[in-house]
Amino acid sequence: MAARGDFTITMDRPEIAIRLPVNEDGDLTAWAESTSRARQGFDAEDEDVELFAAEILAAAADSSSRDVAMAYLLPDDVLPVEMARIEVVDVNPDEEIPEVTLEWLERIYSDPGLELTAPVDVWRGVLPAGPAVRVVRQVIGDVDEFGDGKLLHSVVYAVRPPQTDFAVVLSVTWSAVLLGRELLDMSDALAQTLQVLPAR
């Protein structure tokens, strides 16, 4: 849940997802270590706990850099590594974009910005939170100095709640190729739970 002015953004999350403390001040090291140990079991090796704690902290810092409203790390079922990232952000009008429309959102999120490995898949429809556009992309990202990169999958749901002047965008990103269909289905299910409600 995240408060945005007169509204509150809510969404269900997968049971194993780890909520990332985005835009929070203070030292999060102790939180990351306890979260890592709870995830791996209290008999886990200290080195494994420290490695995953560092990954959690890096993920929180990365999501915070995008000023997201909510962020979750979805860990692998077996290994202590990140399998997918779930983020929710609100997109507000400004002087440059006085009205946030679905057409503009589709154009922005359909632009790959990176090397595509498959055509961009765009769907228009209605989600419980309002009219929406879904954009699915596969790109080559994290390219190193030798030109090698990894395959990244992402799905974005940009929603225009009718009672607001802003959009809410749910994005899910992963590199687990073999779990692509499963993660896309999970993302579709999450999008159905996204809500924008009047703040109480």
C-alpha atoms as a PDB file:
ATOM      1  CA  MET A   1       0.000   0.000   0.000  1.00  0.00           C
ATOM      2  CA  ALA A   2       1.233   3.499  -0.837  1.00  0.00           C
ATOM      3  CA  ALA A   3      -0.343   6.899  -0.219  1.00  0.00           C
ATOM      4  CA  ARG A   4      -0.400   9.342  -3.127  1.00  0.00           C
ATOM      5  CA  GLY A   5      -2.135  12.617  -2.275  1.00  0.00           C
ATOM      6  CA  ASP A   6      -5.850  11.989  -1.845  1.00  0.00           C
ATOM      7  CA  PHE A   7      -5.514   8.378  -2.975  1.00  0.00           C
ATOM      8  CA  THR A   8      -4.043   5.096  -1.802  1.00  0.00           C
ATOM      9  CA  ILE A   9      -2.545   2.533  -4.187  1.00  0.00           C
ATOM     10  CA  THR A  10      -2.956  -1.079  -3.125  1.00  0.00           C
ATOM     11  CA  MET A  11      -2.033  -4.419  -4.670  1.00  0.00           C
ATOM     12  CA  ASP A  12      -1.728  -8.022  -3.580  1.00  0.00           C
ATOM     13  CA  ARG A  13       1.705  -9.617  -3.683  1.00  0.00           C
ATOM     14  CA  PRO A  14       3.058 -13.129  -4.061  1.00  0.00           C
ATOM     15  CA  GLU A  15       3.449 -14.827  -0.696  1.00  0.00           C
ATOM     16  CA  ILE A  16       7.227 -15.242  -1.045  1.00  0.00           C
ATOM     17  CA  ALA A  17       7.850 -11.697  -2.294  1.00  0.00           C
ATOM     18  CA  ILE A  18      10.087  -9.502  -0.149  1.00  0.00           C
ATOM     19  CA  ARG A  19       8.892  -5.924   0.293  1.00  0.00           C
ATOM     20  CA  LEU A  20      11.725  -3.533  -0.473  1.00  0.00           C
ATOM     21  CA  PRO A  21      11.936  -0.460   1.805  1.00  0.00           C
ATOM     22  CA  VAL A  22      12.134   2.148  -0.943  1.00  0.00           C
ATOM     23  CA  ASN A  23      12.948   5.784  -0.197  1.00  0.00           C
ATOM     24  CA  GLU A  24      13.522   5.053   3.477  1.00  0.00           C
ATOM     25  CA  ASP A  25      16.284   6.716   5.441  1.00  0.00           C
ATOM     26  CA  GLY A  26      18.692   5.011   7.778  1.00  0.00           C
ATOM     27  CA  ASP A  27      20.903   1.935   7.738  1.00  0.00           C
ATOM     28  CA  LEU A  28      19.009  -1.044   6.341  1.00  0.00           C
ATOM     29  CA  THR A  29      21.842  -3.538   6.814  1.00  0.00           C
ATOM     30  CA  ALA A  30      20.338  -5.253   9.857  1.00  0.00           C
ATOM     31  CA  TRP A  31      16.950  -5.518   8.124  1.00  0.00           C
ATOM     32  CA  ALA A  32      18.544  -7.042   5.009  1.00  0.00           C
ATOM     33  CA  GLU A  33      20.532  -9.582   7.022  1.00  0.00           C
ATOM     34  CA  SER A  34      17.534 -10.699   9.084  1.00  0.00           C
ATOM     35  CA  THR A  35      15.383 -10.917   5.943  1.00  0.00           C
ATOM     36  CA  SER A  36      18.058 -12.938   4.167  1.00  0.00           C
ATOM     37  CA  ARG A  37      18.450 -15.346   7.086  1.00  0.00           C
ATOM     38  CA  ALA A  38      14.697 -15.783   7.501  1.00  0.00           C
ATOM     39  CA  ARG A  39      14.422 -16.593   3.811  1.00  0.00           C
ATOM     40  CA  GLN A  40      17.267 -19.133   3.794  1.00  0.00           C
ATOM     41  CA  GLY A  41      16.762 -20.679   7.195  1.00  0.00           C
ATOM     42  CA  PHE A  42      18.614 -20.052  10.422  1.00  0.00           C
ATOM     43  CA  ASP A  43      21.130 -22.820   9.732  1.00  0.00           C
ATOM     44  CA  ALA A  44      22.284 -21.145   6.485  1.00  0.00           C
ATOM     45  CA  GLU A  45      25.954 -20.318   6.023  1.00  0.00           C
ATOM     46  CA  ASP A  46      26.873 -16.756   7.070  1.00  0.00           C
ATOM     47  CA  GLU A  47      28.469 -16.130   3.673  1.00  0.00           C
ATOM     48  CA  ASP A  48      25.244 -17.048   1.860  1.00  0.00           C
ATOM     49  CA  VAL A  49      23.238 -14.823   4.195  1.00  0.00           C
ATOM     50  CA  GLU A  50      25.581 -11.892   3.586  1.00  0.00           C
ATOM     51  CA  LEU A  51      25.530 -12.333  -0.189  1.00  0.00           C
ATOM     52  CA  PHE A  52      21.739 -12.358  -0.412  1.00  0.00           C
ATOM     53  CA  ALA A  53      21.488  -9.467   2.067  1.00  0.00           C
ATOM     54  CA  ALA A  54      23.744  -7.435  -0.223  1.00  0.00           C
ATOM     55  CA  GLU A  55      21.537  -8.337  -3.190  1.00  0.00           C
ATOM     56  CA  ILE A  56      18.417  -7.229  -1.298  1.00  0.00           C
ATOM     57  CA  LEU A  57      20.042  -3.917  -0.357  1.00  0.00           C
ATOM     58  CA  ALA A  58      21.141  -3.327  -3.956  1.00  0.00           C
ATOM     59  CA  ALA A  59      17.613  -4.047  -5.185  1.00  0.00           C
ATOM     60  CA  ALA A  60      16.128  -1.587  -2.672  1.00  0.00           C
ATOM     61  CA  ALA A  61      18.579   1.122  -3.744  1.00  0.00           C
ATOM     62  CA  ASP A  62      17.885   0.417  -7.418  1.00  0.00           C
ATOM     63  CA  SER A  63      14.114   0.674  -6.987  1.00  0.00           C
ATOM     64  CA  SER A  64      14.468   3.789  -4.822  1.00  0.00           C
ATOM     65  CA  SER A  65      16.385   5.473  -7.640  1.00  0.00           C
ATOM     66  CA  ARG A  66      13.177   5.348  -9.711  1.00  0.00           C
ATOM     67  CA  ASP A  67      11.063   6.891  -6.916  1.00  0.00           C
ATOM     68  CA  VAL A  68       8.607   4.001  -6.996  1.00  0.00           C
ATOM     69  CA  ALA A  69       5.561   3.800  -4.740  1.00  0.00           C
ATOM     70  CA  MET A  70       6.020   0.082  -3.999  1.00  0.00           C
ATOM     71  CA  ALA A  71       8.666  -2.491  -4.827  1.00  0.00           C
ATOM     72  CA  TYR A  72       9.096  -6.207  -4.180  1.00  0.00           C
ATOM     73  CA  LEU A  73      11.880  -8.680  -4.833  1.00  0.00           C
ATOM     74  CA  LEU A  74      10.693 -12.124  -5.866  1.00  0.00           C
ATOM     75  CA  PRO A  75      13.333 -14.639  -4.764  1.00  0.00           C
ATOM     76  CA  ASP A  76      14.142 -17.873  -6.510  1.00  0.00           C
ATOM     77  CA  ASP A  77      12.359 -20.915  -5.065  1.00  0.00           C
ATOM     78  CA  VAL A  78      15.663 -22.705  -4.391  1.00  0.00           C
ATOM     79  CA  LEU A  79      18.670 -20.398  -4.641  1.00  0.00           C
ATOM     80  CA  PRO A  80      19.075 -17.187  -2.595  1.00  0.00           C
ATOM     81  CA  VAL A  81      18.970 -14.866  -5.614  1.00  0.00           C
ATOM     82  CA  GLU A  82      16.527 -12.428  -7.143  1.00  0.00           C
ATOM     83  CA  MET A  83      14.240 -14.001  -9.724  1.00  0.00           C
ATOM     84  CA  ALA A  84      12.040 -11.002 -10.550  1.00  0.00           C
ATOM     85  CA  ARG A  85      11.383  -7.410  -9.516  1.00  0.00           C
ATOM     86  CA  ILE A  86       7.890  -5.999  -9.031  1.00  0.00           C
ATOM     87  CA  GLU A  87       7.426  -2.222  -8.954  1.00  0.00           C
ATOM     88  CA  VAL A  88       4.501   0.189  -8.847  1.00  0.00           C
ATOM     89  CA  VAL A  89       4.925   3.848  -9.714  1.00  0.00           C
ATOM     90  CA  ASP A  90       2.523   6.742 -10.231  1.00  0.00           C
ATOM     91  CA  VAL A  91       2.966   8.933 -13.303  1.00  0.00           C
ATOM     92  CA  ASN A  92       1.735  12.479 -12.780  1.00  0.00           C
ATOM     93  CA  PRO A  93       1.029  15.286 -15.240  1.00  0.00           C
ATOM     94  CA  ASP A  94       3.440  18.208 -15.402  1.00  0.00           C
ATOM     95  CA  GLU A  95       4.180  21.222 -17.587  1.00  0.00           C
ATOM     96  CA  GLU A  96       5.653  19.057 -20.333  1.00  0.00           C
ATOM     97  CA  ILE A  97       2.894  16.407 -20.193  1.00  0.00           C
ATOM     98  CA  PRO A  98      -0.238  18.233 -18.976  1.00  0.00           C
ATOM     99  CA  GLU A  99      -2.441  15.152 -19.504  1.00  0.00           C
ATOM    100  CA  VAL A 100      -1.371  11.566 -18.936  1.00  0.00           C
ATOM    101  CA  THR A 101      -3.186   9.535 -21.582  1.00  0.00           C
ATOM    102  CA  LEU A 102      -3.124   5.841 -22.489  1.00  0.00           C
ATOM    103  CA  GLU A 103      -1.792   6.766 -25.922  1.00  0.00           C
ATOM    104  CA  TRP A 104       1.179   8.555 -24.383  1.00  0.00           C
ATOM    105  CA  LEU A 105       1.788   5.735 -21.891  1.00  0.00           C
ATOM    106  CA  GLU A 106       1.712   3.135 -24.674  1.00  0.00           C
ATOM    107  CA  ARG A 107       4.215   5.117 -26.704  1.00  0.00           C
ATOM    108  CA  ILE A 108       6.571   5.583 -23.757  1.00  0.00           C
ATOM    109  CA  TYR A 109       6.547   1.972 -22.583  1.00  0.00           C
ATOM    110  CA  SER A 110       6.620   0.475 -26.093  1.00  0.00           C
ATOM    111  CA  ASP A 111       9.950   2.167 -26.815  1.00  0.00           C
ATOM    112  CA  PRO A 112      12.462  -0.602 -26.111  1.00  0.00           C
ATOM    113  CA  GLY A 113      15.476   1.625 -25.485  1.00  0.00           C
ATOM    114  CA  LEU A 114      17.524  -1.571 -25.817  1.00  0.00           C
ATOM    115  CA  GLU A 115      17.997  -4.290 -28.418  1.00  0.00           C
ATOM    116  CA  LEU A 116      14.738  -6.185 -28.906  1.00  0.00           C
ATOM    117  CA  THR A 117      14.776  -9.967 -29.268  1.00  0.00           C
ATOM    118  CA  ALA A 118      11.062 -10.241 -30.109  1.00  0.00           C
ATOM    119  CA  PRO A 119       8.314  -7.876 -31.292  1.00  0.00           C
ATOM    120  CA  VAL A 120       6.730  -5.715 -28.603  1.00  0.00           C
ATOM    121  CA  ASP A 121       3.335  -7.147 -27.612  1.00  0.00           C
ATOM    122  CA  VAL A 122       0.705  -4.497 -26.788  1.00  0.00           C
ATOM    123  CA  TRP A 123      -2.765  -5.109 -25.357  1.00  0.00           C
ATOM    124  CA  ARG A 124      -5.465  -2.545 -24.617  1.00  0.00           C
ATOM    125  CA  GLY A 125      -8.277  -3.307 -22.217  1.00  0.00           C
ATOM    126  CA  VAL A 126      -9.789  -2.559 -18.845  1.00  0.00           C
ATOM    127  CA  LEU A 127      -8.445  -3.637 -15.455  1.00  0.00           C
ATOM    128  CA  PRO A 128     -10.308  -3.223 -12.148  1.00  0.00           C
ATOM    129  CA  ALA A 129      -8.329  -0.010 -11.525  1.00  0.00           C
ATOM    130  CA  GLY A 130      -9.320   1.487 -14.893  1.00  0.00           C
ATOM    131  CA  PRO A 131      -8.561   1.547 -18.630  1.00  0.00           C
ATOM    132  CA  ALA A 132      -5.124   0.057 -19.237  1.00  0.00           C
ATOM    133  CA  VAL A 133      -2.441  -0.841 -21.723  1.00  0.00           C
ATOM    134  CA  ARG A 134      -0.166  -3.855 -21.257  1.00  0.00           C
ATOM    135  CA  VAL A 135       3.252  -3.911 -22.934  1.00  0.00           C
ATOM    136  CA  VAL A 136       5.420  -7.037 -23.018  1.00  0.00           C
ATOM    137  CA  ARG A 137       9.050  -6.743 -24.127  1.00  0.00           C
ATOM    138  CA  GLN A 138      12.125  -8.942 -24.443  1.00  0.00           C
ATOM    139  CA  VAL A 139      15.438  -7.106 -24.684  1.00  0.00           C
ATOM    140  CA  ILE A 140      19.165  -7.645 -24.265  1.00  0.00           C
ATOM    141  CA  GLY A 141      20.300  -5.718 -21.196  1.00  0.00           C
ATOM    142  CA  ASP A 142      23.282  -5.340 -18.869  1.00  0.00           C
ATOM    143  CA  VAL A 143      25.636  -5.425 -21.846  1.00  0.00           C
ATOM    144  CA  ASP A 144      29.287  -5.673 -20.781  1.00  0.00           C
ATOM    145  CA  GLU A 145      32.442  -4.299 -22.417  1.00  0.00           C
ATOM    146  CA  PHE A 146      32.589  -7.328 -24.709  1.00  0.00           C
ATOM    147  CA  GLY A 147      29.088  -6.759 -26.030  1.00  0.00           C
ATOM    148  CA  ASP A 148      27.585  -9.657 -24.117  1.00  0.00           C
ATOM    149  CA  GLY A 149      24.328  -9.181 -22.241  1.00  0.00           C
ATOM    150  CA  LYS A 150      21.480 -11.102 -20.715  1.00  0.00           C
ATOM    151  CA  LEU A 151      17.943 -11.601 -21.891  1.00  0.00           C
ATOM    152  CA  LEU A 152      15.513  -9.479 -19.897  1.00  0.00           C
ATOM    153  CA  HIS A 153      11.744  -9.890 -19.951  1.00  0.00           C
ATOM    154  CA  SER A 154       9.391  -7.170 -18.781  1.00  0.00           C
ATOM    155  CA  VAL A 155       5.681  -6.565 -18.668  1.00  0.00           C
ATOM    156  CA  VAL A 156       4.191  -3.176 -17.909  1.00  0.00           C
ATOM    157  CA  TYR A 157       0.572  -2.424 -17.028  1.00  0.00           C
ATOM    158  CA  ALA A 158      -0.153   1.301 -17.342  1.00  0.00           C
ATOM    159  CA  VAL A 159      -3.561   2.139 -15.871  1.00  0.00           C
ATOM    160  CA  ARG A 160      -5.554   5.389 -15.947  1.00  0.00           C
ATOM    161  CA  PRO A 161      -7.872   5.358 -12.937  1.00  0.00           C
ATOM    162  CA  PRO A 162     -10.889   7.428 -13.984  1.00  0.00           C
ATOM    163  CA  GLN A 163     -11.110   9.275 -10.664  1.00  0.00           C
ATOM    164  CA  THR A 164      -7.534  10.661 -10.841  1.00  0.00           C
ATOM    165  CA  ASP A 165      -5.381  12.801 -13.108  1.00  0.00           C
ATOM    166  CA  PHE A 166      -2.410  10.414 -12.796  1.00  0.00           C
ATOM    167  CA  ALA A 167      -1.579   6.945 -14.050  1.00  0.00           C
ATOM    168  CA  VAL A 168      -0.455   3.931 -12.052  1.00  0.00           C
ATOM    169  CA  VAL A 169       2.140   1.668 -13.634  1.00  0.00           C
ATOM    170  CA  LEU A 170       2.886  -1.884 -12.505  1.00  0.00           C
ATOM    171  CA  SER A 171       6.070  -3.364 -13.948  1.00  0.00           C
ATOM    172  CA  VAL A 172       7.521  -6.831 -13.532  1.00  0.00           C
ATOM    173  CA  THR A 173      11.008  -7.630 -14.824  1.00  0.00           C
ATOM    174  CA  TRP A 174      12.878 -10.932 -14.871  1.00  0.00           C
ATOM    175  CA  SER A 175      15.679 -12.848 -16.571  1.00  0.00           C
ATOM    176  CA  ALA A 176      14.502 -16.384 -15.725  1.00  0.00           C
ATOM    177  CA  VAL A 177      13.797 -17.483 -19.300  1.00  0.00           C
ATOM    178  CA  LEU A 178      12.396 -20.898 -18.425  1.00  0.00           C
ATOM    179  CA  LEU A 179       9.824 -19.333 -16.086  1.00  0.00           C
ATOM    180  CA  GLY A 180       8.650 -16.706 -18.553  1.00  0.00           C
ATOM    181  CA  ARG A 181       5.106 -18.033 -18.990  1.00  0.00           C
ATOM    182  CA  GLU A 182       4.655 -18.609 -15.256  1.00  0.00           C
ATOM    183  CA  LEU A 183       5.888 -15.133 -14.361  1.00  0.00           C
ATOM    184  CA  LEU A 184       3.730 -13.508 -17.034  1.00  0.00           C
ATOM    185  CA  ASP A 185       0.664 -15.306 -15.654  1.00  0.00           C
ATOM    186  CA  MET A 186       1.611 -14.161 -12.153  1.00  0.00           C
ATOM    187  CA  SER A 187       1.946 -10.580 -13.427  1.00  0.00           C
ATOM    188  CA  ASP A 188      -1.473 -10.711 -15.086  1.00  0.00           C
ATOM    189  CA  ALA A 189      -2.971 -11.908 -11.795  1.00  0.00           C
ATOM    190  CA  LEU A 190      -1.252  -9.093  -9.850  1.00  0.00           C
ATOM    191  CA  ALA A 191      -2.589  -6.492 -12.293  1.00  0.00           C
ATOM    192  CA  GLN A 192      -6.111  -7.655 -11.508  1.00  0.00           C
ATOM    193  CA  THR A 193      -5.577  -6.765  -7.819  1.00  0.00           C
ATOM    194  CA  LEU A 194      -4.209  -3.245  -8.424  1.00  0.00           C
ATOM    195  CA  GLN A 195      -6.525  -0.620  -6.945  1.00  0.00           C
ATOM    196  CA  VAL A 196      -6.536   3.142  -6.478  1.00  0.00           C
ATOM    197  CA  LEU A 197      -8.801   4.093  -3.576  1.00  0.00           C
ATOM    198  CA  PRO A 198      -9.682   7.389  -1.869  1.00  0.00           C
ATOM    199  CA  ALA A 199      -7.414   7.929   1.128  1.00  0.00           C
ATOM    200  CA  ARG A 200      -9.178   7.638   4.456  1.00  0.00           C
END
